[in-house]
Amino acid sequence: MAVKNRFEQVDELQDDAITLCLKKGPVESVGTVRFPAAVSGGHLQQDQISQDLPAVDAFRSAVRLANSAKIPIVVMDPDALWQAEWGELYRPIEP
């Protein structure tokens, strides 16, 4: 049985992870991918943010980038657009 990937849901941008931001677009769900300069090892002077992409393409792009850079992904999803087939979206339990 395949293990589902897990992604932390957050309410604000994180400086130590790639942030996938999902939102409702005029026609379809869209997403942007933010790569923070803080995790670039000094290669970037400022954060890099993609243009709006179809949500599934933004998700795939974030996964490819995270795998190549070896850093985690977090997800901002205020409109509840997450697709179950992408994996489990969770919020950490606060003590």
PDB file of N, CA and C in Angstrom:
ATOM      1  N   MET A   1       0.828  -1.169   0.000  1.00  0.00           N
ATOM      2  CA  MET A   1       0.000   0.000   0.000  1.00  0.00           C
ATOM      3  C   MET A   1       0.886   1.250   0.000  1.00  0.00           C
ATOM      4  N   ALA A   2       0.603   2.173  -0.890  1.00  0.00           N
ATOM      5  CA  ALA A   2       1.389   3.394  -0.999  1.00  0.00           C
ATOM      6  C   ALA A   2       1.100   4.330   0.165  1.00  0.00           C
ATOM      7  N   VAL A   3       2.137   4.991   0.628  1.00  0.00           N
ATOM      8  CA  VAL A   3       2.004   5.957   1.714  1.00  0.00           C
ATOM      9  C   VAL A   3       1.676   7.309   1.100  1.00  0.00           C
ATOM     10  N   LYS A   4       0.653   7.974   1.642  1.00  0.00           N
ATOM     11  CA  LYS A   4       0.287   9.302   1.151  1.00  0.00           C
ATOM     12  C   LYS A   4       1.269  10.340   1.693  1.00  0.00           C
ATOM     13  N   ASN A   5       1.583  11.290   0.850  1.00  0.00           N
ATOM     14  CA  ASN A   5       2.387  12.419   1.305  1.00  0.00           C
ATOM     15  C   ASN A   5       1.547  13.292   2.220  1.00  0.00           C
ATOM     16  N   ARG A   6       2.213  13.955   3.168  1.00  0.00           N
ATOM     17  CA  ARG A   6       1.529  14.848   4.104  1.00  0.00           C
ATOM     18  C   ARG A   6       2.087  16.250   3.920  1.00  0.00           C
ATOM     19  N   PHE A   7       1.190  17.228   3.946  1.00  0.00           N
ATOM     20  CA  PHE A   7       1.563  18.618   3.761  1.00  0.00           C
ATOM     21  C   PHE A   7       0.934  19.447   4.876  1.00  0.00           C
ATOM     22  N   GLU A   8       1.741  20.287   5.506  1.00  0.00           N
ATOM     23  CA  GLU A   8       1.235  21.130   6.590  1.00  0.00           C
ATOM     24  C   GLU A   8       0.482  22.326   6.021  1.00  0.00           C
ATOM     25  N   GLN A   9      -0.688  22.579   6.563  1.00  0.00           N
ATOM     26  CA  GLN A   9      -1.468  23.753   6.177  1.00  0.00           C
ATOM     27  C   GLN A   9      -1.105  24.904   7.113  1.00  0.00           C
ATOM     28  N   VAL A  10      -0.848  26.075   6.525  1.00  0.00           N
ATOM     29  CA  VAL A  10      -0.469  27.253   7.298  1.00  0.00           C
ATOM     30  C   VAL A  10      -1.361  28.431   6.899  1.00  0.00           C
ATOM     31  N   ASP A  11      -1.339  29.471   7.712  1.00  0.00           N
ATOM     32  CA  ASP A  11      -2.137  30.662   7.433  1.00  0.00           C
ATOM     33  C   ASP A  11      -1.306  31.836   6.936  1.00  0.00           C
ATOM     34  N   GLU A  12       0.015  31.700   6.981  1.00  0.00           N
ATOM     35  CA  GLU A  12       0.879  32.778   6.508  1.00  0.00           C
ATOM     36  C   GLU A  12       2.131  32.187   5.878  1.00  0.00           C
ATOM     37  N   LEU A  13       2.828  33.012   5.095  1.00  0.00           N
ATOM     38  CA  LEU A  13       4.039  32.567   4.424  1.00  0.00           C
ATOM     39  C   LEU A  13       5.079  32.135   5.449  1.00  0.00           C
ATOM     40  N   GLN A  14       5.850  31.111   5.087  1.00  0.00           N
ATOM     41  CA  GLN A  14       6.903  30.598   5.951  1.00  0.00           C
ATOM     42  C   GLN A  14       8.244  30.848   5.267  1.00  0.00           C
ATOM     43  N   ASP A  15       9.251  31.277   6.035  1.00  0.00           N
ATOM     44  CA  ASP A  15      10.557  31.572   5.459  1.00  0.00           C
ATOM     45  C   ASP A  15      11.486  30.365   5.389  1.00  0.00           C
ATOM     46  N   ASP A  16      11.037  29.217   5.909  1.00  0.00           N
ATOM     47  CA  ASP A  16      11.890  28.035   5.901  1.00  0.00           C
ATOM     48  C   ASP A  16      11.321  26.910   5.031  1.00  0.00           C
ATOM     49  N   ALA A  17      10.356  27.241   4.173  1.00  0.00           N
ATOM     50  CA  ALA A  17       9.723  26.219   3.329  1.00  0.00           C
ATOM     51  C   ALA A  17       9.160  26.858   2.060  1.00  0.00           C
ATOM     52  N   ILE A  18       9.004  26.058   1.045  1.00  0.00           N
ATOM     53  CA  ILE A  18       8.284  26.485  -0.154  1.00  0.00           C
ATOM     54  C   ILE A  18       6.819  26.592   0.232  1.00  0.00           C
ATOM     55  N   THR A  19       6.173  27.671  -0.160  1.00  0.00           N
ATOM     56  CA  THR A  19       4.761  27.844   0.152  1.00  0.00           C
ATOM     57  C   THR A  19       3.939  27.751  -1.120  1.00  0.00           C
ATOM     58  N   LEU A  20       3.023  26.793  -1.141  1.00  0.00           N
ATOM     59  CA  LEU A  20       2.039  26.655  -2.220  1.00  0.00           C
ATOM     60  C   LEU A  20       0.792  27.394  -1.764  1.00  0.00           C
ATOM     61  N   CYS A  21       0.406  28.429  -2.499  1.00  0.00           N
ATOM     62  CA  CYS A  21      -0.781  29.221  -2.156  1.00  0.00           C
ATOM     63  C   CYS A  21      -1.882  28.914  -3.161  1.00  0.00           C
ATOM     64  N   LEU A  22      -2.964  28.334  -2.684  1.00  0.00           N
ATOM     65  CA  LEU A  22      -4.101  27.998  -3.540  1.00  0.00           C
ATOM     66  C   LEU A  22      -5.200  29.033  -3.361  1.00  0.00           C
ATOM     67  N   LYS A  23      -5.872  29.381  -4.464  1.00  0.00           N
ATOM     68  CA  LYS A  23      -6.972  30.346  -4.383  1.00  0.00           C
ATOM     69  C   LYS A  23      -7.908  30.154  -5.559  1.00  0.00           C
ATOM     70  N   LYS A  24      -9.105  30.704  -5.407  1.00  0.00           N
ATOM     71  CA  LYS A  24     -10.081  30.652  -6.492  1.00  0.00           C
ATOM     72  C   LYS A  24      -9.695  31.680  -7.540  1.00  0.00           C
ATOM     73  N   GLY A  25      -9.637  31.243  -8.799  1.00  0.00           N
ATOM     74  CA  GLY A  25      -9.389  32.157  -9.902  1.00  0.00           C
ATOM     75  C   GLY A  25     -10.708  32.512 -10.553  1.00  0.00           C
ATOM     76  N   PRO A  26     -10.676  33.360 -11.576  1.00  0.00           N
ATOM     77  CA  PRO A  26     -11.916  33.763 -12.233  1.00  0.00           C
ATOM     78  C   PRO A  26     -12.628  32.600 -12.931  1.00  0.00           C
ATOM     79  N   VAL A  27     -11.858  31.613 -13.387  1.00  0.00           N
ATOM     80  CA  VAL A  27     -12.449  30.480 -14.102  1.00  0.00           C
ATOM     81  C   VAL A  27     -12.186  29.154 -13.388  1.00  0.00           C
ATOM     82  N   GLU A  28     -10.983  28.999 -12.857  1.00  0.00           N
ATOM     83  CA  GLU A  28     -10.594  27.749 -12.213  1.00  0.00           C
ATOM     84  C   GLU A  28      -9.732  28.038 -10.990  1.00  0.00           C
ATOM     85  N   SER A  29      -9.482  27.027 -10.204  1.00  0.00           N
ATOM     86  CA  SER A  29      -8.595  27.162  -9.054  1.00  0.00           C
ATOM     87  C   SER A  29      -7.174  27.388  -9.554  1.00  0.00           C
ATOM     88  N   VAL A  30      -6.465  28.293  -8.892  1.00  0.00           N
ATOM     89  CA  VAL A  30      -5.091  28.593  -9.283  1.00  0.00           C
ATOM     90  C   VAL A  30      -4.185  28.510  -8.066  1.00  0.00           C
ATOM     91  N   GLY A  31      -2.907  28.497  -8.341  1.00  0.00           N
ATOM     92  CA  GLY A  31      -1.934  28.480  -7.271  1.00  0.00           C
ATOM     93  C   GLY A  31      -0.681  29.218  -7.659  1.00  0.00           C
ATOM     94  N   THR A  32       0.048  29.658  -6.649  1.00  0.00           N
ATOM     95  CA  THR A  32       1.369  30.229  -6.845  1.00  0.00           C
ATOM     96  C   THR A  32       2.340  29.474  -5.950  1.00  0.00           C
ATOM     97  N   VAL A  33       3.593  29.501  -6.346  1.00  0.00           N
ATOM     98  CA  VAL A  33       4.643  28.835  -5.585  1.00  0.00           C
ATOM     99  C   VAL A  33       5.656  29.898  -5.171  1.00  0.00           C
ATOM    100  N   ARG A  34       5.917  29.976  -3.865  1.00  0.00           N
ATOM    101  CA  ARG A  34       6.893  30.937  -3.342  1.00  0.00           C
ATOM    102  C   ARG A  34       8.107  30.181  -2.823  1.00  0.00           C
ATOM    103  N   PHE A  35       9.276  30.558  -3.357  1.00  0.00           N
ATOM    104  CA  PHE A  35      10.549  30.006  -2.900  1.00  0.00           C
ATOM    105  C   PHE A  35      11.265  31.111  -2.130  1.00  0.00           C
ATOM    106  N   PRO A  36      11.393  30.975  -0.804  1.00  0.00           N
ATOM    107  CA  PRO A  36      11.991  32.053  -0.016  1.00  0.00           C
ATOM    108  C   PRO A  36      13.507  32.140  -0.200  1.00  0.00           C
ATOM    109  N   ALA A  37      13.995  33.360  -0.300  1.00  0.00           N
ATOM    110  CA  ALA A  37      15.432  33.588  -0.450  1.00  0.00           C
ATOM    111  C   ALA A  37      16.206  32.996   0.730  1.00  0.00           C
ATOM    112  N   ALA A  38      15.580  32.955   1.901  1.00  0.00           N
ATOM    113  CA  ALA A  38      16.245  32.472   3.113  1.00  0.00           C
ATOM    114  C   ALA A  38      16.716  31.026   3.002  1.00  0.00           C
ATOM    115  N   VAL A  39      16.116  30.227   2.143  1.00  0.00           N
ATOM    116  CA  VAL A  39      16.518  28.815   2.006  1.00  0.00           C
ATOM    117  C   VAL A  39      17.351  28.564   0.748  1.00  0.00           C
ATOM    118  N   SER A  40      17.770  29.626   0.090  1.00  0.00           N
ATOM    119  CA  SER A  40      18.503  29.470  -1.173  1.00  0.00           C
ATOM    120  C   SER A  40      20.005  29.337  -0.991  1.00  0.00           C
ATOM    121  N   GLY A  41      20.474  29.351   0.247  1.00  0.00           N
ATOM    122  CA  GLY A  41      21.913  29.244   0.475  1.00  0.00           C
ATOM    123  C   GLY A  41      22.678  30.442  -0.060  1.00  0.00           C
ATOM    124  N   GLY A  42      22.034  31.608  -0.081  1.00  0.00           N
ATOM    125  CA  GLY A  42      22.688  32.823  -0.539  1.00  0.00           C
ATOM    126  C   GLY A  42      22.614  33.054  -2.041  1.00  0.00           C
ATOM    127  N   HIS A  43      21.947  32.168  -2.779  1.00  0.00           N
ATOM    128  CA  HIS A  43      21.844  32.313  -4.232  1.00  0.00           C
ATOM    129  C   HIS A  43      20.816  33.349  -4.666  1.00  0.00           C
ATOM    130  N   LEU A  44      19.831  33.620  -3.819  1.00  0.00           N
ATOM    131  CA  LEU A  44      18.787  34.584  -4.168  1.00  0.00           C
ATOM    132  C   LEU A  44      18.812  35.760  -3.201  1.00  0.00           C
ATOM    133  N   GLN A  45      18.599  36.947  -3.734  1.00  0.00           N
ATOM    134  CA  GLN A  45      18.527  38.139  -2.900  1.00  0.00           C
ATOM    135  C   GLN A  45      17.113  38.398  -2.410  1.00  0.00           C
ATOM    136  N   GLN A  46      16.116  37.906  -3.179  1.00  0.00           N
ATOM    137  CA  GLN A  46      14.722  38.098  -2.783  1.00  0.00           C
ATOM    138  C   GLN A  46      13.923  36.840  -3.106  1.00  0.00           C
ATOM    139  N   ASP A  47      12.773  36.717  -2.455  1.00  0.00           N
ATOM    140  CA  ASP A  47      11.903  35.572  -2.674  1.00  0.00           C
ATOM    141  C   ASP A  47      11.488  35.497  -4.146  1.00  0.00           C
ATOM    142  N   GLN A  48      11.315  34.292  -4.634  1.00  0.00           N
ATOM    143  CA  GLN A  48      10.833  34.073  -5.993  1.00  0.00           C
ATOM    144  C   GLN A  48       9.403  33.561  -5.913  1.00  0.00           C
ATOM    145  N   ILE A  49       8.493  34.200  -6.647  1.00  0.00           N
ATOM    146  CA  ILE A  49       7.082  33.819  -6.628  1.00  0.00           C
ATOM    147  C   ILE A  49       6.629  33.597  -8.061  1.00  0.00           C
ATOM    148  N   SER A  50       6.020  32.452  -8.303  1.00  0.00           N
ATOM    149  CA  SER A  50       5.554  32.127  -9.657  1.00  0.00           C
ATOM    150  C   SER A  50       4.339  32.965 -10.022  1.00  0.00           C
ATOM    151  N   GLN A  51       4.032  32.970 -11.287  1.00  0.00           N
ATOM    152  CA  GLN A  51       2.764  33.554 -11.726  1.00  0.00           C
ATOM    153  C   GLN A  51       1.653  32.579 -11.374  1.00  0.00           C
ATOM    154  N   ASP A  52       0.397  33.018 -11.480  1.00  0.00           N
ATOM    155  CA  ASP A  52      -0.730  32.112 -11.247  1.00  0.00           C
ATOM    156  C   ASP A  52      -0.679  30.966 -12.251  1.00  0.00           C
ATOM    157  N   LEU A  53      -0.834  29.763 -11.735  1.00  0.00           N
ATOM    158  CA  LEU A  53      -0.874  28.547 -12.543  1.00  0.00           C
ATOM    159  C   LEU A  53      -2.140  27.788 -12.193  1.00  0.00           C
ATOM    160  N   PRO A  54      -2.644  26.925 -13.088  1.00  0.00           N
ATOM    161  CA  PRO A  54      -3.728  26.039 -12.666  1.00  0.00           C
ATOM    162  C   PRO A  54      -3.282  25.308 -11.390  1.00  0.00           C
ATOM    163  N   ALA A  55      -4.189  25.100 -10.461  1.00  0.00           N
ATOM    164  CA  ALA A  55      -3.839  24.564  -9.143  1.00  0.00           C
ATOM    165  C   ALA A  55      -3.006  23.286  -9.225  1.00  0.00           C
ATOM    166  N   VAL A  56      -3.378  22.349 -10.078  1.00  0.00           N
ATOM    167  CA  VAL A  56      -2.632  21.092 -10.160  1.00  0.00           C
ATOM    168  C   VAL A  56      -1.219  21.335 -10.684  1.00  0.00           C
ATOM    169  N   ASP A  57      -1.048  22.272 -11.601  1.00  0.00           N
ATOM    170  CA  ASP A  57       0.290  22.586 -12.110  1.00  0.00           C
ATOM    171  C   ASP A  57       1.139  23.265 -11.044  1.00  0.00           C
ATOM    172  N   ALA A  58       0.526  24.135 -10.236  1.00  0.00           N
ATOM    173  CA  ALA A  58       1.246  24.779  -9.139  1.00  0.00           C
ATOM    174  C   ALA A  58       1.685  23.727  -8.125  1.00  0.00           C
ATOM    175  N   PHE A  59       0.801  22.783  -7.816  1.00  0.00           N
ATOM    176  CA  PHE A  59       1.145  21.704  -6.887  1.00  0.00           C
ATOM    177  C   PHE A  59       2.333  20.903  -7.425  1.00  0.00           C
ATOM    178  N   ARG A  60       2.263  20.493  -8.683  1.00  0.00           N
ATOM    179  CA  ARG A  60       3.351  19.699  -9.280  1.00  0.00           C
ATOM    180  C   ARG A  60       4.656  20.481  -9.290  1.00  0.00           C
ATOM    181  N   SER A  61       4.581  21.758  -9.601  1.00  0.00           N
ATOM    182  CA  SER A  61       5.771  22.601  -9.623  1.00  0.00           C
ATOM    183  C   SER A  61       6.391  22.703  -8.233  1.00  0.00           C
ATOM    184  N   ALA A  62       5.557  22.888  -7.215  1.00  0.00           N
ATOM    185  CA  ALA A  62       6.052  22.972  -5.837  1.00  0.00           C
ATOM    186  C   ALA A  62       6.737  21.675  -5.426  1.00  0.00           C
ATOM    187  N   VAL A  63       6.160  20.546  -5.789  1.00  0.00           N
ATOM    188  CA  VAL A  63       6.750  19.250  -5.435  1.00  0.00           C
ATOM    189  C   VAL A  63       8.098  19.063  -6.126  1.00  0.00           C
ATOM    190  N   ARG A  64       8.164  19.372  -7.416  1.00  0.00           N
ATOM    191  CA  ARG A  64       9.441  19.242  -8.147  1.00  0.00           C
ATOM    192  C   ARG A  64      10.514  20.134  -7.518  1.00  0.00           C
ATOM    193  N   LEU A  65      10.143  21.376  -7.222  1.00  0.00           N
ATOM    194  CA  LEU A  65      11.094  22.318  -6.638  1.00  0.00           C
ATOM    195  C   LEU A  65      11.548  21.854  -5.259  1.00  0.00           C
ATOM    196  N   ALA A  66      10.621  21.405  -4.438  1.00  0.00           N
ATOM    197  CA  ALA A  66      10.960  20.936  -3.094  1.00  0.00           C
ATOM    198  C   ALA A  66      11.865  19.703  -3.145  1.00  0.00           C
ATOM    199  N   ASN A  67      11.574  18.799  -4.062  1.00  0.00           N
ATOM    200  CA  ASN A  67      12.415  17.607  -4.189  1.00  0.00           C
ATOM    201  C   ASN A  67      13.824  17.963  -4.643  1.00  0.00           C
ATOM    202  N   SER A  68      13.956  18.895  -5.580  1.00  0.00           N
ATOM    203  CA  SER A  68      15.288  19.243  -6.069  1.00  0.00           C
ATOM    204  C   SER A  68      16.065  20.076  -5.048  1.00  0.00           C
ATOM    205  N   ALA A  69      15.382  20.943  -4.301  1.00  0.00           N
ATOM    206  CA  ALA A  69      16.049  21.790  -3.311  1.00  0.00           C
ATOM    207  C   ALA A  69      16.162  21.120  -1.946  1.00  0.00           C
ATOM    208  N   LYS A  70      15.458  20.014  -1.760  1.00  0.00           N
ATOM    209  CA  LYS A  70      15.464  19.269  -0.496  1.00  0.00           C
ATOM    210  C   LYS A  70      14.969  20.122   0.677  1.00  0.00           C
ATOM    211  N   ILE A  71      13.855  20.847   0.440  1.00  0.00           N
ATOM    212  CA  ILE A  71      13.222  21.618   1.503  1.00  0.00           C
ATOM    213  C   ILE A  71      11.731  21.299   1.522  1.00  0.00           C
ATOM    214  N   PRO A  72      11.068  21.514   2.660  1.00  0.00           N
ATOM    215  CA  PRO A  72       9.651  21.143   2.768  1.00  0.00           C
ATOM    216  C   PRO A  72       8.712  22.110   2.039  1.00  0.00           C
ATOM    217  N   ILE A  73       7.486  21.631   1.841  1.00  0.00           N
ATOM    218  CA  ILE A  73       6.401  22.431   1.276  1.00  0.00           C
ATOM    219  C   ILE A  73       5.362  22.642   2.369  1.00  0.00           C
ATOM    220  N   VAL A  74       4.838  23.865   2.453  1.00  0.00           N
ATOM    221  CA  VAL A  74       3.655  24.142   3.264  1.00  0.00           C
ATOM    222  C   VAL A  74       2.586  24.699   2.328  1.00  0.00           C
ATOM    223  N   VAL A  75       1.335  24.641   2.770  1.00  0.00           N
ATOM    224  CA  VAL A  75       0.220  25.004   1.899  1.00  0.00           C
ATOM    225  C   VAL A  75      -0.672  26.034   2.570  1.00  0.00           C
ATOM    226  N   MET A  76      -0.949  27.111   1.844  1.00  0.00           N
ATOM    227  CA  MET A  76      -1.968  28.084   2.253  1.00  0.00           C
ATOM    228  C   MET A  76      -3.180  27.803   1.375  1.00  0.00           C
ATOM    229  N   ASP A  77      -4.316  27.490   2.010  1.00  0.00           N
ATOM    230  CA  ASP A  77      -5.509  27.087   1.270  1.00  0.00           C
ATOM    231  C   ASP A  77      -6.771  27.667   1.903  1.00  0.00           C
ATOM    232  N   PRO A  78      -6.917  28.991   1.865  1.00  0.00           N
ATOM    233  CA  PRO A  78      -8.066  29.609   2.538  1.00  0.00           C
ATOM    234  C   PRO A  78      -9.418  29.268   1.919  1.00  0.00           C
ATOM    235  N   ASP A  79      -9.425  28.839   0.642  1.00  0.00           N
ATOM    236  CA  ASP A  79     -10.679  28.526  -0.038  1.00  0.00           C
ATOM    237  C   ASP A  79     -10.981  27.026  -0.079  1.00  0.00           C
ATOM    238  N   ALA A  80     -10.203  26.219   0.656  1.00  0.00           N
ATOM    239  CA  ALA A  80     -10.393  24.758   0.727  1.00  0.00           C
ATOM    240  C   ALA A  80     -10.415  24.122  -0.661  1.00  0.00           C
ATOM    241  N   LEU A  81      -9.355  24.354  -1.426  1.00  0.00           N
ATOM    242  CA  LEU A  81      -9.250  23.828  -2.791  1.00  0.00           C
ATOM    243  C   LEU A  81      -8.369  22.588  -2.896  1.00  0.00           C
ATOM    244  N   TRP A  82      -7.775  22.180  -1.802  1.00  0.00           N
ATOM    245  CA  TRP A  82      -6.868  21.023  -1.781  1.00  0.00           C
ATOM    246  C   TRP A  82      -7.575  19.785  -2.327  1.00  0.00           C
ATOM    247  N   GLN A  83      -6.865  19.013  -3.138  1.00  0.00           N
ATOM    248  CA  GLN A  83      -7.396  17.780  -3.717  1.00  0.00           C
ATOM    249  C   GLN A  83      -6.840  16.584  -2.938  1.00  0.00           C
ATOM    250  N   ALA A  84      -7.705  15.698  -2.499  1.00  0.00           N
ATOM    251  CA  ALA A  84      -7.300  14.551  -1.674  1.00  0.00           C
ATOM    252  C   ALA A  84      -6.257  13.678  -2.364  1.00  0.00           C
ATOM    253  N   GLU A  85      -6.301  13.589  -3.692  1.00  0.00           N
ATOM    254  CA  GLU A  85      -5.337  12.730  -4.399  1.00  0.00           C
ATOM    255  C   GLU A  85      -3.910  13.268  -4.329  1.00  0.00           C
ATOM    256  N   TRP A  86      -3.729  14.525  -3.904  1.00  0.00           N
ATOM    257  CA  TRP A  86      -2.391  15.089  -3.758  1.00  0.00           C
ATOM    258  C   TRP A  86      -1.717  14.619  -2.477  1.00  0.00           C
ATOM    259  N   GLY A  87      -2.497  14.139  -1.525  1.00  0.00           N
ATOM    260  CA  GLY A  87      -1.955  13.716  -0.240  1.00  0.00           C
ATOM    261  C   GLY A  87      -2.809  14.262   0.885  1.00  0.00           C
ATOM    262  N   GLU A  88      -2.294  14.136   2.094  1.00  0.00           N
ATOM    263  CA  GLU A  88      -3.024  14.593   3.277  1.00  0.00           C
ATOM    264  C   GLU A  88      -2.600  16.010   3.637  1.00  0.00           C
ATOM    265  N   LEU A  89      -3.569  16.880   3.801  1.00  0.00           N
ATOM    266  CA  LEU A  89      -3.323  18.235   4.273  1.00  0.00           C
ATOM    267  C   LEU A  89      -3.677  18.260   5.752  1.00  0.00           C
ATOM    268  N   TYR A  90      -2.752  18.667   6.600  1.00  0.00           N
ATOM    269  CA  TYR A  90      -2.995  18.620   8.040  1.00  0.00           C
ATOM    270  C   TYR A  90      -2.541  19.919   8.708  1.00  0.00           C
ATOM    271  N   ARG A  91      -3.065  20.142   9.886  1.00  0.00           N
ATOM    272  CA  ARG A  91      -2.604  21.216  10.757  1.00  0.00           C
ATOM    273  C   ARG A  91      -1.993  20.551  11.985  1.00  0.00           C
ATOM    274  N   PRO A  92      -0.824  21.035  12.402  1.00  0.00           N
ATOM    275  CA  PRO A  92      -0.217  20.445  13.608  1.00  0.00           C
ATOM    276  C   PRO A  92      -1.072  20.724  14.838  1.00  0.00           C
ATOM    277  N   ILE A  93      -1.036  19.800  15.766  1.00  0.00           N
ATOM    278  CA  ILE A  93      -1.768  19.960  17.027  1.00  0.00           C
ATOM    279  C   ILE A  93      -0.932  20.842  17.929  1.00  0.00           C
ATOM    280  N   GLU A  94      -1.539  21.926  18.384  1.00  0.00           N
ATOM    281  CA  GLU A  94      -0.829  22.859  19.261  1.00  0.00           C
ATOM    282  C   GLU A  94      -0.953  22.385  20.705  1.00  0.00           C
ATOM    283  N   PRO A  95       0.135  22.442  21.475  1.00  0.00           N
ATOM    284  CA  PRO A  95       0.080  22.001  22.886  1.00  0.00           C
ATOM    285  C   PRO A  95      -0.723  22.940  23.752  1.00  0.00           C
TER     286      PRO A  95
END
